[in-house]
């Protein structure tokens, strides 16, 4: 591959990733409950389309946008922890999709980003926080991972990567 083709491919990838980050910012404005929003859909899609590392970056920034537009209700350090946990979720979502199938990936993404991510804060905030957040977070997680899988499957049948 010559240098010009490589440069064009890199610019195209960078542009698409930037667009997904921008879509995360828009999704951050579509709140379901508190800081639960549609910010992670582009991140989950990016983890399937570009790979788990880029997906982790997109999904982390998506949560930071949501926390920013919500006023960081849990504090900046806790939202950084959430962003990192979402990056881990996107990473394992991508691996599950590649190793198994979309059904397993949706289940993995939903469980990790729903109940498991909420359990992280039980020592700090208690079981009341868990009970309050687990249902809306699990529902939103399912919607985000499911829609990302559907969109990826639709696009991958049209575009050969």
Protein backbone atom coordinates (compact mmCIF):
# COMPACT_ATOMS: atom_id res chain seq x y z
CA UNK A 1 0.00 0.00 0.00
CA UNK A 2 1.44 3.34 -0.95
CA UNK A 3 1.70 6.37 1.32
CA UNK A 4 -1.13 8.30 -0.31
CA UNK A 5 -3.60 5.44 0.14
CA UNK A 6 -2.53 4.96 3.76
CA UNK A 7 -2.98 8.68 4.47
CA UNK A 8 -6.44 8.71 2.93
CA UNK A 9 -7.46 5.68 4.97
CA UNK A 10 -6.15 7.29 8.19
CA UNK A 11 -8.01 10.53 7.48
CA UNK A 12 -11.20 8.62 6.74
CA UNK A 13 -10.89 6.61 9.97
CA UNK A 14 -10.15 9.71 12.03
CA UNK A 15 -13.13 11.50 10.49
CA UNK A 16 -15.49 8.61 11.18
CA UNK A 17 -14.27 8.30 14.78
CA UNK A 18 -14.73 12.05 15.28
CA UNK A 19 -18.26 11.76 13.92
CA UNK A 20 -19.00 8.94 16.37
CA UNK A 21 -17.67 11.04 19.24
CA UNK A 22 -19.92 13.89 18.10
CA UNK A 23 -22.85 11.46 17.98
CA UNK A 24 -22.01 10.47 21.56
CA UNK A 25 -22.29 14.13 22.53
CA UNK A 26 -25.71 14.30 20.89
CA UNK A 27 -26.74 11.04 22.56
CA UNK A 28 -25.65 12.50 25.89
CA UNK A 29 -28.45 15.02 25.53
CA UNK A 30 -31.05 12.21 25.22
CA UNK A 31 -31.35 11.33 28.87
CA UNK A 32 -33.36 8.41 30.17
CA UNK A 33 -32.77 8.87 33.88
CA UNK A 34 -30.26 11.09 35.69
CA UNK A 35 -26.93 10.41 33.89
CA UNK A 36 -28.29 7.41 31.99
CA UNK A 37 -28.46 8.40 28.31
CA UNK A 38 -27.93 7.25 24.73
CA UNK A 39 -24.30 8.34 24.79
CA UNK A 40 -22.87 4.83 24.58
CA UNK A 41 -24.51 3.60 21.37
CA UNK A 42 -21.81 5.17 19.13
CA UNK A 43 -19.12 3.74 21.41
CA UNK A 44 -20.49 0.23 21.19
CA UNK A 45 -20.80 0.61 17.43
CA UNK A 46 -17.21 1.88 17.22
CA UNK A 47 -15.99 -1.13 19.19
CA UNK A 48 -17.52 -3.41 16.56
CA UNK A 49 -16.60 -1.37 13.48
CA UNK A 50 -13.10 -0.15 14.39
CA UNK A 51 -12.12 -2.43 17.25
CA UNK A 52 -12.35 -2.52 20.99
CA UNK A 53 -9.75 0.17 21.72
CA UNK A 54 -11.35 2.86 19.58
CA UNK A 55 -14.76 1.86 20.93
CA UNK A 56 -13.42 2.26 24.46
CA UNK A 57 -12.27 5.80 23.69
CA UNK A 58 -15.57 6.79 22.06
CA UNK A 59 -17.73 5.32 24.83
CA UNK A 60 -15.60 6.92 27.58
CA UNK A 61 -15.90 10.34 26.00
CA UNK A 62 -19.62 9.74 25.55
CA UNK A 63 -20.08 9.25 29.28
CA UNK A 64 -17.99 12.33 30.06
CA UNK A 65 -20.33 14.34 27.79
CA UNK A 66 -23.34 12.96 29.65
CA UNK A 67 -21.82 13.73 33.04
CA UNK A 68 -20.87 17.20 31.84
CA UNK A 69 -24.40 17.97 30.64
CA UNK A 70 -25.79 16.62 33.93
CA UNK A 71 -23.46 18.65 36.13
CA UNK A 72 -21.31 15.72 37.32
CA UNK A 73 -23.84 14.63 40.00
CA UNK A 74 -21.54 11.92 41.40
CA UNK A 75 -18.42 14.07 41.26
CA UNK A 76 -15.70 14.13 38.62
CA UNK A 77 -13.64 11.22 40.05
CA UNK A 78 -16.66 8.90 40.11
CA UNK A 79 -17.60 9.82 36.56
CA UNK A 80 -14.06 9.04 35.46
CA UNK A 81 -14.46 5.62 37.10
CA UNK A 82 -17.74 5.17 35.23
CA UNK A 83 -16.09 6.19 31.94
CA UNK A 84 -13.34 3.60 32.50
CA UNK A 85 -15.89 0.91 33.39
CA UNK A 86 -17.81 1.72 30.21
CA UNK A 87 -14.58 1.38 28.24
CA UNK A 88 -14.15 -2.09 29.74
CA UNK A 89 -17.75 -2.91 28.79
CA UNK A 90 -17.15 -1.86 25.17
CA UNK A 91 -13.96 -3.90 25.08
CA UNK A 92 -15.67 -7.09 26.24
CA UNK A 93 -18.71 -6.38 24.06
CA UNK A 94 -16.47 -6.32 21.01
CA UNK A 95 -14.67 -9.50 22.03
CA UNK A 96 -17.97 -11.32 22.70
CA UNK A 97 -19.31 -10.25 19.30
CA UNK A 98 -16.22 -11.53 17.48
CA UNK A 99 -15.82 -14.77 19.46
CA UNK A 100 -19.49 -15.73 19.69
CA UNK A 101 -22.32 -13.78 18.10
CA UNK A 102 -24.44 -10.67 18.45
CA UNK A 103 -26.81 -12.30 20.98
CA UNK A 104 -24.00 -13.13 23.40
CA UNK A 105 -22.47 -9.69 22.87
CA UNK A 106 -25.77 -7.95 23.67
CA UNK A 107 -26.11 -10.03 26.83
CA UNK A 108 -22.51 -9.34 27.88
CA UNK A 109 -22.80 -5.59 27.21
CA UNK A 110 -26.12 -5.33 29.03
CA UNK A 111 -24.99 -7.25 32.10
CA UNK A 112 -21.61 -5.53 32.38
CA UNK A 113 -22.90 -2.00 31.84
CA UNK A 114 -26.08 -2.55 33.87
CA UNK A 115 -25.91 -4.54 37.11
CA UNK A 116 -22.12 -5.06 37.24
CA UNK A 117 -21.25 -1.39 36.67
CA UNK A 118 -23.82 -0.38 39.28
CA UNK A 119 -22.32 -2.80 41.81
CA UNK A 120 -19.04 -0.87 41.68
CA UNK A 121 -20.64 1.95 43.67
CA UNK A 122 -22.38 -0.13 46.36
CA UNK A 123 -19.47 0.27 48.85
CA UNK A 124 -19.56 4.05 48.42
CA UNK A 125 -23.30 4.78 48.05
CA UNK A 126 -24.99 1.66 49.43
CA UNK A 127 -27.67 -0.70 48.18
CA UNK A 128 -30.22 2.10 47.86
CA UNK A 129 -28.18 3.58 45.03
CA UNK A 130 -27.99 0.16 43.39
CA UNK A 131 -31.76 -0.35 43.60
CA UNK A 132 -32.39 3.14 42.25
CA UNK A 133 -30.01 2.89 39.29
CA UNK A 134 -29.93 -0.76 38.22
CA UNK A 135 -33.23 -0.91 36.29
CA UNK A 136 -32.90 2.29 34.23
CA UNK A 137 -29.22 1.58 33.59
CA UNK A 138 -29.89 -2.00 32.50
CA UNK A 139 -32.72 -0.95 30.17
CA UNK A 140 -30.61 1.81 28.62
CA UNK A 141 -27.63 -0.54 28.34
CA UNK A 142 -29.73 -3.09 26.49
CA UNK A 143 -31.07 -0.43 24.12
CA UNK A 144 -27.59 0.92 23.39
CA UNK A 145 -25.87 -2.44 22.81
CA UNK A 146 -28.80 -3.89 20.86
CA UNK A 147 -29.08 -0.89 18.53
CA UNK A 148 -25.29 -0.84 18.03
CA UNK A 149 -25.37 -4.52 17.00
CA UNK A 150 -28.31 -3.98 14.64
CA UNK A 151 -26.69 -0.94 13.00
CA UNK A 152 -23.33 -2.71 12.70
CA UNK A 153 -24.95 -5.75 11.12
CA UNK A 154 -26.90 -3.56 8.66
CA UNK A 155 -23.82 -1.55 7.70
CA UNK A 156 -21.46 -4.55 7.49
CA UNK A 157 -23.74 -6.22 4.93
CA UNK A 158 -23.55 -3.09 2.75
CA UNK A 159 -19.86 -2.26 3.22
CA UNK A 160 -17.10 -4.82 3.04
CA UNK A 161 -14.27 -3.96 5.46
